[in-house]
């Protein structure tokens, strides 16, 4: 059902009709119950469904946000158990972060609800050497979406300091770095700052800003994603 909901498989008008019908049947609450109480494999499938359900649907994303505290409690519970023995293919945590990415991209009014996961989950993902490129990259993409509206909260959490560690870590691939430099610039680029100075020391303009702009204008892939103009 998740695959059938995705834009290439279902036109927007049909997706909107499905979302309205699903909401009238209480589907979101039933799926959230699976996330709360089922094993991690089933919870991952349920989380993936909500991610596709919320994608590009303001109505769907808002409904998921109403239950987000319940969802986030399970995310934090699973994350705290798995961090010590992380698997790079951890399907549940990949699904969890991707759900947050889709909500953040679709429904900026919910960004404050998502901030509660930055310190206990996102920051630890970025600092863990066991995390794979996909999870790290999606976590950075989530922070990029959040940085559009909750700048002060992310600054208080010292997100840029952790991202500078990612940028400077030569063992992390370009896909794993995602748009880390952009988030740092969003957070601290409005004035002279040591964070931006460190990026300038790494030739951020020629090594990052110009390439991402070129790929954006071409509509081509950059670090495992397709950037677009805001």
C-alpha atoms as a PDB file:
ATOM      1  CA  UNK A   1       0.000   0.000   0.000  1.00  0.00           C
ATOM      2  CA  UNK A   2       2.899   2.375   0.741  1.00  0.00           C
ATOM      3  CA  UNK A   3       4.311   1.857  -2.763  1.00  0.00           C
ATOM      4  CA  UNK A   4       0.849   2.297  -4.286  1.00  0.00           C
ATOM      5  CA  UNK A   5       0.510   5.687  -2.566  1.00  0.00           C
ATOM      6  CA  UNK A   6       3.682   7.175  -4.025  1.00  0.00           C
ATOM      7  CA  UNK A   7       3.364   9.897  -6.692  1.00  0.00           C
ATOM      8  CA  UNK A   8       4.621   7.799  -9.659  1.00  0.00           C
ATOM      9  CA  UNK A   9       1.951   5.190  -8.895  1.00  0.00           C
ATOM     10  CA  UNK A  10      -1.007   7.423  -7.997  1.00  0.00           C
ATOM     11  CA  UNK A  11      -1.975  10.838  -9.326  1.00  0.00           C
ATOM     12  CA  UNK A  12      -2.375  13.631  -6.773  1.00  0.00           C
ATOM     13  CA  UNK A  13      -6.176  13.820  -7.045  1.00  0.00           C
ATOM     14  CA  UNK A  14      -6.492  10.108  -6.292  1.00  0.00           C
ATOM     15  CA  UNK A  15      -4.021  10.385  -3.392  1.00  0.00           C
ATOM     16  CA  UNK A  16      -6.040  13.237  -1.900  1.00  0.00           C
ATOM     17  CA  UNK A  17      -9.236  11.197  -2.165  1.00  0.00           C
ATOM     18  CA  UNK A  18      -7.530   8.209  -0.516  1.00  0.00           C
ATOM     19  CA  UNK A  19      -6.240  10.375   2.345  1.00  0.00           C
ATOM     20  CA  UNK A  20      -9.702  11.806   3.029  1.00  0.00           C
ATOM     21  CA  UNK A  21     -11.316   8.359   2.985  1.00  0.00           C
ATOM     22  CA  UNK A  22      -8.595   6.884   5.190  1.00  0.00           C
ATOM     23  CA  UNK A  23      -8.988   9.666   7.735  1.00  0.00           C
ATOM     24  CA  UNK A  24     -12.734   9.101   7.890  1.00  0.00           C
ATOM     25  CA  UNK A  25     -12.036   5.453   8.785  1.00  0.00           C
ATOM     26  CA  UNK A  26      -9.533   6.269  11.536  1.00  0.00           C
ATOM     27  CA  UNK A  27      -6.614   4.653   9.704  1.00  0.00           C
ATOM     28  CA  UNK A  28      -3.961   6.886  11.257  1.00  0.00           C
ATOM     29  CA  UNK A  29      -4.827   5.872  14.809  1.00  0.00           C
ATOM     30  CA  UNK A  30      -4.717   2.159  13.906  1.00  0.00           C
ATOM     31  CA  UNK A  31      -1.320   2.583  12.236  1.00  0.00           C
ATOM     32  CA  UNK A  32       0.031   4.537  15.217  1.00  0.00           C
ATOM     33  CA  UNK A  33      -1.069   1.697  17.497  1.00  0.00           C
ATOM     34  CA  UNK A  34       1.086  -0.654  15.419  1.00  0.00           C
ATOM     35  CA  UNK A  35       4.064   1.693  15.788  1.00  0.00           C
ATOM     36  CA  UNK A  36       3.520   1.829  19.546  1.00  0.00           C
ATOM     37  CA  UNK A  37       3.002  -1.842  20.274  1.00  0.00           C
ATOM     38  CA  UNK A  38       4.134  -4.079  17.395  1.00  0.00           C
ATOM     39  CA  UNK A  39       7.577  -5.564  16.847  1.00  0.00           C
ATOM     40  CA  UNK A  40      10.096  -3.381  15.063  1.00  0.00           C
ATOM     41  CA  UNK A  41       9.617  -4.989  11.642  1.00  0.00           C
ATOM     42  CA  UNK A  42       5.862  -4.302  11.688  1.00  0.00           C
ATOM     43  CA  UNK A  43       6.461  -0.882  13.271  1.00  0.00           C
ATOM     44  CA  UNK A  44       8.876  -0.047  10.446  1.00  0.00           C
ATOM     45  CA  UNK A  45       6.263  -0.982   7.830  1.00  0.00           C
ATOM     46  CA  UNK A  46       3.646   1.098   9.656  1.00  0.00           C
ATOM     47  CA  UNK A  47       6.032   4.055   9.860  1.00  0.00           C
ATOM     48  CA  UNK A  48       6.815   3.791   6.153  1.00  0.00           C
ATOM     49  CA  UNK A  49       3.092   3.854   5.440  1.00  0.00           C
ATOM     50  CA  UNK A  50       2.630   7.060   7.440  1.00  0.00           C
ATOM     51  CA  UNK A  51       5.615   8.595   5.657  1.00  0.00           C
ATOM     52  CA  UNK A  52       4.000   7.959   2.287  1.00  0.00           C
ATOM     53  CA  UNK A  53       0.596   8.966   3.671  1.00  0.00           C
ATOM     54  CA  UNK A  54       1.951  12.354   4.818  1.00  0.00           C
ATOM     55  CA  UNK A  55       4.084  13.006   1.735  1.00  0.00           C
ATOM     56  CA  UNK A  56       2.861  16.048  -0.191  1.00  0.00           C
ATOM     57  CA  UNK A  57      -0.438  15.975   1.722  1.00  0.00           C
ATOM     58  CA  UNK A  58      -1.003  18.791   4.185  1.00  0.00           C
ATOM     59  CA  UNK A  59      -4.154  17.092   5.455  1.00  0.00           C
ATOM     60  CA  UNK A  60      -2.368  13.776   5.971  1.00  0.00           C
ATOM     61  CA  UNK A  61       0.673  15.365   7.611  1.00  0.00           C
ATOM     62  CA  UNK A  62      -1.482  17.372  10.028  1.00  0.00           C
ATOM     63  CA  UNK A  63      -3.348  14.257  11.099  1.00  0.00           C
ATOM     64  CA  UNK A  64      -0.092  12.381  11.713  1.00  0.00           C
ATOM     65  CA  UNK A  65       1.174  15.345  13.750  1.00  0.00           C
ATOM     66  CA  UNK A  66      -1.794  14.999  16.103  1.00  0.00           C
ATOM     67  CA  UNK A  67      -0.382  11.618  17.148  1.00  0.00           C
ATOM     68  CA  UNK A  68       3.274  12.569  16.902  1.00  0.00           C
ATOM     69  CA  UNK A  69       3.976  12.489  20.649  1.00  0.00           C
ATOM     70  CA  UNK A  70       2.936   8.834  20.700  1.00  0.00           C
ATOM     71  CA  UNK A  71       5.061   8.068  17.642  1.00  0.00           C
ATOM     72  CA  UNK A  72       8.084   9.954  18.995  1.00  0.00           C
ATOM     73  CA  UNK A  73       7.928   8.084  22.322  1.00  0.00           C
ATOM     74  CA  UNK A  74       8.359   4.772  20.453  1.00  0.00           C
ATOM     75  CA  UNK A  75      11.125   6.198  18.274  1.00  0.00           C
ATOM     76  CA  UNK A  76      13.088   7.299  21.325  1.00  0.00           C
ATOM     77  CA  UNK A  77      12.523   3.990  23.096  1.00  0.00           C
ATOM     78  CA  UNK A  78      13.812   1.936  20.176  1.00  0.00           C
ATOM     79  CA  UNK A  79      16.679   4.314  19.482  1.00  0.00           C
ATOM     80  CA  UNK A  80      17.974   4.212  23.057  1.00  0.00           C
ATOM     81  CA  UNK A  81      18.106   0.405  22.922  1.00  0.00           C
ATOM     82  CA  UNK A  82      19.701   0.124  19.472  1.00  0.00           C
ATOM     83  CA  UNK A  83      22.358   2.817  19.608  1.00  0.00           C
ATOM     84  CA  UNK A  84      24.894   0.565  21.355  1.00  0.00           C
ATOM     85  CA  UNK A  85      24.595  -2.117  18.651  1.00  0.00           C
ATOM     86  CA  UNK A  86      23.652  -0.130  15.587  1.00  0.00           C
ATOM     87  CA  UNK A  87      22.905  -1.797  12.252  1.00  0.00           C
ATOM     88  CA  UNK A  88      23.480   0.310   9.167  1.00  0.00           C
ATOM     89  CA  UNK A  89      20.372  -1.272   7.625  1.00  0.00           C
ATOM     90  CA  UNK A  90      18.128  -0.525  10.601  1.00  0.00           C
ATOM     91  CA  UNK A  91      14.809  -0.339   8.779  1.00  0.00           C
ATOM     92  CA  UNK A  92      12.805   1.053  11.689  1.00  0.00           C
ATOM     93  CA  UNK A  93      15.027   4.056  12.382  1.00  0.00           C
ATOM     94  CA  UNK A  94      15.408   4.752   8.658  1.00  0.00           C
ATOM     95  CA  UNK A  95      11.613   4.765   8.388  1.00  0.00           C
ATOM     96  CA  UNK A  96      11.301   6.963  11.498  1.00  0.00           C
ATOM     97  CA  UNK A  97      13.606   9.666  10.198  1.00  0.00           C
ATOM     98  CA  UNK A  98      12.081   9.570   6.715  1.00  0.00           C
ATOM     99  CA  UNK A  99       8.606  10.038   8.217  1.00  0.00           C
ATOM    100  CA  UNK A 100       9.887  13.132  10.029  1.00  0.00           C
ATOM    101  CA  UNK A 101      11.474  14.409   6.799  1.00  0.00           C
ATOM    102  CA  UNK A 102       8.167  14.073   4.938  1.00  0.00           C
ATOM    103  CA  UNK A 103       6.182  15.778   7.709  1.00  0.00           C
ATOM    104  CA  UNK A 104       8.715  18.608   7.958  1.00  0.00           C
ATOM    105  CA  UNK A 105       8.695  19.176   4.190  1.00  0.00           C
ATOM    106  CA  UNK A 106       4.905  19.113   3.927  1.00  0.00           C
ATOM    107  CA  UNK A 107       3.806  20.839   7.123  1.00  0.00           C
ATOM    108  CA  UNK A 108       6.149  23.585   8.448  1.00  0.00           C
ATOM    109  CA  UNK A 109       3.648  24.406  11.194  1.00  0.00           C
ATOM    110  CA  UNK A 110       4.630  21.108  12.818  1.00  0.00           C
ATOM    111  CA  UNK A 111       8.354  21.849  13.053  1.00  0.00           C
ATOM    112  CA  UNK A 112       8.225  22.641  16.764  1.00  0.00           C
ATOM    113  CA  UNK A 113       6.704  19.198  17.386  1.00  0.00           C
ATOM    114  CA  UNK A 114       9.612  17.583  15.531  1.00  0.00           C
ATOM    115  CA  UNK A 115      12.293  19.492  17.456  1.00  0.00           C
ATOM    116  CA  UNK A 116      11.817  17.188  20.444  1.00  0.00           C
ATOM    117  CA  UNK A 117      13.696  14.467  18.510  1.00  0.00           C
ATOM    118  CA  UNK A 118      16.718  16.588  17.592  1.00  0.00           C
ATOM    119  CA  UNK A 119      18.696  16.172  20.814  1.00  0.00           C
ATOM    120  CA  UNK A 120      17.878  12.560  21.806  1.00  0.00           C
ATOM    121  CA  UNK A 121      17.832  11.104  18.287  1.00  0.00           C
ATOM    122  CA  UNK A 122      19.176  13.296  15.466  1.00  0.00           C
ATOM    123  CA  UNK A 123      22.300  14.525  17.237  1.00  0.00           C
ATOM    124  CA  UNK A 124      23.241  11.024  18.346  1.00  0.00           C
ATOM    125  CA  UNK A 125      22.716   9.653  14.845  1.00  0.00           C
ATOM    126  CA  UNK A 126      25.095  12.271  13.470  1.00  0.00           C
ATOM    127  CA  UNK A 127      27.710  11.463  16.089  1.00  0.00           C
ATOM    128  CA  UNK A 128      27.551   7.669  15.729  1.00  0.00           C
ATOM    129  CA  UNK A 129      30.245   6.077  13.519  1.00  0.00           C
ATOM    130  CA  UNK A 130      28.038   2.993  13.010  1.00  0.00           C
ATOM    131  CA  UNK A 131      25.283   4.893  11.184  1.00  0.00           C
ATOM    132  CA  UNK A 132      25.003   4.377   7.429  1.00  0.00           C
ATOM    133  CA  UNK A 133      24.929   7.056   4.747  1.00  0.00           C
ATOM    134  CA  UNK A 134      21.182   6.817   4.156  1.00  0.00           C
ATOM    135  CA  UNK A 135      20.176   7.407   7.760  1.00  0.00           C
ATOM    136  CA  UNK A 136      22.760  10.141   8.340  1.00  0.00           C
ATOM    137  CA  UNK A 137      21.850  11.870   5.079  1.00  0.00           C
ATOM    138  CA  UNK A 138      18.105  11.804   5.818  1.00  0.00           C
ATOM    139  CA  UNK A 139      18.745  13.112   9.323  1.00  0.00           C
ATOM    140  CA  UNK A 140      20.628  16.083   7.866  1.00  0.00           C
ATOM    141  CA  UNK A 141      17.810  16.607   5.367  1.00  0.00           C
ATOM    142  CA  UNK A 142      15.368  16.738   8.298  1.00  0.00           C
ATOM    143  CA  UNK A 143      17.513  19.382   9.991  1.00  0.00           C
ATOM    144  CA  UNK A 144      17.616  21.358   6.738  1.00  0.00           C
ATOM    145  CA  UNK A 145      13.813  21.414   6.635  1.00  0.00           C
ATOM    146  CA  UNK A 146      13.596  22.407  10.297  1.00  0.00           C
ATOM    147  CA  UNK A 147      16.159  25.177   9.870  1.00  0.00           C
ATOM    148  CA  UNK A 148      13.656  27.064   7.720  1.00  0.00           C
ATOM    149  CA  UNK A 149      11.515  27.889  10.776  1.00  0.00           C
ATOM    150  CA  UNK A 150      13.130  26.905  14.100  1.00  0.00           C
ATOM    151  CA  UNK A 151      16.543  28.538  13.831  1.00  0.00           C
ATOM    152  CA  UNK A 152      16.865  29.588  17.454  1.00  0.00           C
ATOM    153  CA  UNK A 153      15.977  26.137  18.760  1.00  0.00           C
ATOM    154  CA  UNK A 154      18.581  24.458  16.541  1.00  0.00           C
ATOM    155  CA  UNK A 155      21.206  27.040  17.486  1.00  0.00           C
ATOM    156  CA  UNK A 156      20.536  26.414  21.183  1.00  0.00           C
ATOM    157  CA  UNK A 157      21.080  22.684  20.584  1.00  0.00           C
ATOM    158  CA  UNK A 158      24.443  23.446  18.898  1.00  0.00           C
ATOM    159  CA  UNK A 159      23.443  21.578  15.773  1.00  0.00           C
ATOM    160  CA  UNK A 160      26.056  23.394  13.668  1.00  0.00           C
ATOM    161  CA  UNK A 161      28.883  22.167  15.901  1.00  0.00           C
ATOM    162  CA  UNK A 162      27.872  18.555  15.329  1.00  0.00           C
ATOM    163  CA  UNK A 163      27.419  19.122  11.590  1.00  0.00           C
ATOM    164  CA  UNK A 164      30.892  20.645  11.341  1.00  0.00           C
ATOM    165  CA  UNK A 165      32.167  17.358  12.729  1.00  0.00           C
ATOM    166  CA  UNK A 166      30.330  15.527   9.945  1.00  0.00           C
ATOM    167  CA  UNK A 167      31.693  17.870   7.270  1.00  0.00           C
ATOM    168  CA  UNK A 168      35.275  17.477   8.483  1.00  0.00           C
ATOM    169  CA  UNK A 169      35.131  13.687   8.915  1.00  0.00           C
ATOM    170  CA  UNK A 170      36.921  12.259   5.877  1.00  0.00           C
ATOM    171  CA  UNK A 171      35.495   8.788   6.548  1.00  0.00           C
ATOM    172  CA  UNK A 172      31.964   9.996   5.781  1.00  0.00           C
ATOM    173  CA  UNK A 173      30.972   9.915   2.121  1.00  0.00           C
ATOM    174  CA  UNK A 174      29.413  12.814   0.233  1.00  0.00           C
ATOM    175  CA  UNK A 175      26.013  11.096   0.434  1.00  0.00           C
ATOM    176  CA  UNK A 176      26.407  10.843   4.200  1.00  0.00           C
ATOM    177  CA  UNK A 177      27.194  14.561   4.432  1.00  0.00           C
ATOM    178  CA  UNK A 178      24.043  15.413   2.469  1.00  0.00           C
ATOM    179  CA  UNK A 179      23.394  19.170   2.782  1.00  0.00           C
ATOM    180  CA  UNK A 180      25.212  19.656   6.100  1.00  0.00           C
ATOM    181  CA  UNK A 181      26.959  22.792   4.846  1.00  0.00           C
ATOM    182  CA  UNK A 182      23.614  24.336   3.886  1.00  0.00           C
ATOM    183  CA  UNK A 183      22.207  23.780   7.377  1.00  0.00           C
ATOM    184  CA  UNK A 184      25.243  25.434   8.961  1.00  0.00           C
ATOM    185  CA  UNK A 185      24.866  28.403   6.616  1.00  0.00           C
ATOM    186  CA  UNK A 186      21.126  28.644   7.333  1.00  0.00           C
ATOM    187  CA  UNK A 187      21.825  28.689  11.060  1.00  0.00           C
ATOM    188  CA  UNK A 188      24.798  31.053  11.186  1.00  0.00           C
ATOM    189  CA  UNK A 189      25.232  32.684   7.781  1.00  0.00           C
ATOM    190  CA  UNK A 190      23.331  35.857   8.651  1.00  0.00           C
ATOM    191  CA  UNK A 191      26.411  37.301  10.369  1.00  0.00           C
ATOM    192  CA  UNK A 192      30.102  36.640  10.841  1.00  0.00           C
ATOM    193  CA  UNK A 193      30.520  33.481  12.894  1.00  0.00           C
ATOM    194  CA  UNK A 194      33.191  30.879  13.692  1.00  0.00           C
ATOM    195  CA  UNK A 195      30.968  28.190  12.159  1.00  0.00           C
ATOM    196  CA  UNK A 196      30.880  29.869   8.758  1.00  0.00           C
ATOM    197  CA  UNK A 197      34.564  30.802   9.060  1.00  0.00           C
ATOM    198  CA  UNK A 198      35.377  27.105   9.364  1.00  0.00           C
ATOM    199  CA  UNK A 199      33.370  26.389   6.225  1.00  0.00           C
ATOM    200  CA  UNK A 200      35.197  29.162   4.382  1.00  0.00           C
ATOM    201  CA  UNK A 201      38.501  27.625   5.449  1.00  0.00           C
ATOM    202  CA  UNK A 202      37.320  24.474   3.685  1.00  0.00           C
ATOM    203  CA  UNK A 203      36.580  26.439   0.472  1.00  0.00           C
ATOM    204  CA  UNK A 204      32.839  25.933   0.885  1.00  0.00           C
ATOM    205  CA  UNK A 205      31.957  28.252  -1.995  1.00  0.00           C
ATOM    206  CA  UNK A 206      33.907  26.390  -4.684  1.00  0.00           C
ATOM    207  CA  UNK A 207      33.617  22.911  -3.165  1.00  0.00           C
ATOM    208  CA  UNK A 208      29.958  23.010  -2.133  1.00  0.00           C
ATOM    209  CA  UNK A 209      27.928  26.114  -2.986  1.00  0.00           C
ATOM    210  CA  UNK A 210      28.767  26.215  -6.688  1.00  0.00           C
ATOM    211  CA  UNK A 211      28.316  22.450  -7.281  1.00  0.00           C
ATOM    212  CA  UNK A 212      24.961  22.291  -5.474  1.00  0.00           C
ATOM    213  CA  UNK A 213      23.684  25.298  -7.417  1.00  0.00           C
ATOM    214  CA  UNK A 214      24.767  23.738 -10.725  1.00  0.00           C
ATOM    215  CA  UNK A 215      22.994  20.475  -9.874  1.00  0.00           C
ATOM    216  CA  UNK A 216      19.913  22.398  -8.733  1.00  0.00           C
ATOM    217  CA  UNK A 217      19.663  24.283 -12.011  1.00  0.00           C
ATOM    218  CA  UNK A 218      20.198  21.088 -13.999  1.00  0.00           C
ATOM    219  CA  UNK A 219      17.758  19.085 -11.881  1.00  0.00           C
ATOM    220  CA  UNK A 220      20.436  16.458 -11.371  1.00  0.00           C
ATOM    221  CA  UNK A 221      21.479  14.390  -8.362  1.00  0.00           C
ATOM    222  CA  UNK A 222      23.770  15.838  -5.721  1.00  0.00           C
ATOM    223  CA  UNK A 223      24.967  13.759  -2.769  1.00  0.00           C
ATOM    224  CA  UNK A 224      22.159  11.259  -3.145  1.00  0.00           C
ATOM    225  CA  UNK A 225      19.348  13.841  -3.413  1.00  0.00           C
ATOM    226  CA  UNK A 226      17.828  16.295  -5.873  1.00  0.00           C
ATOM    227  CA  UNK A 227      18.147  19.854  -4.508  1.00  0.00           C
ATOM    228  CA  UNK A 228      15.629  22.515  -5.497  1.00  0.00           C
ATOM    229  CA  UNK A 229      15.297  26.257  -5.186  1.00  0.00           C
ATOM    230  CA  UNK A 230      13.152  27.689  -2.370  1.00  0.00           C
END
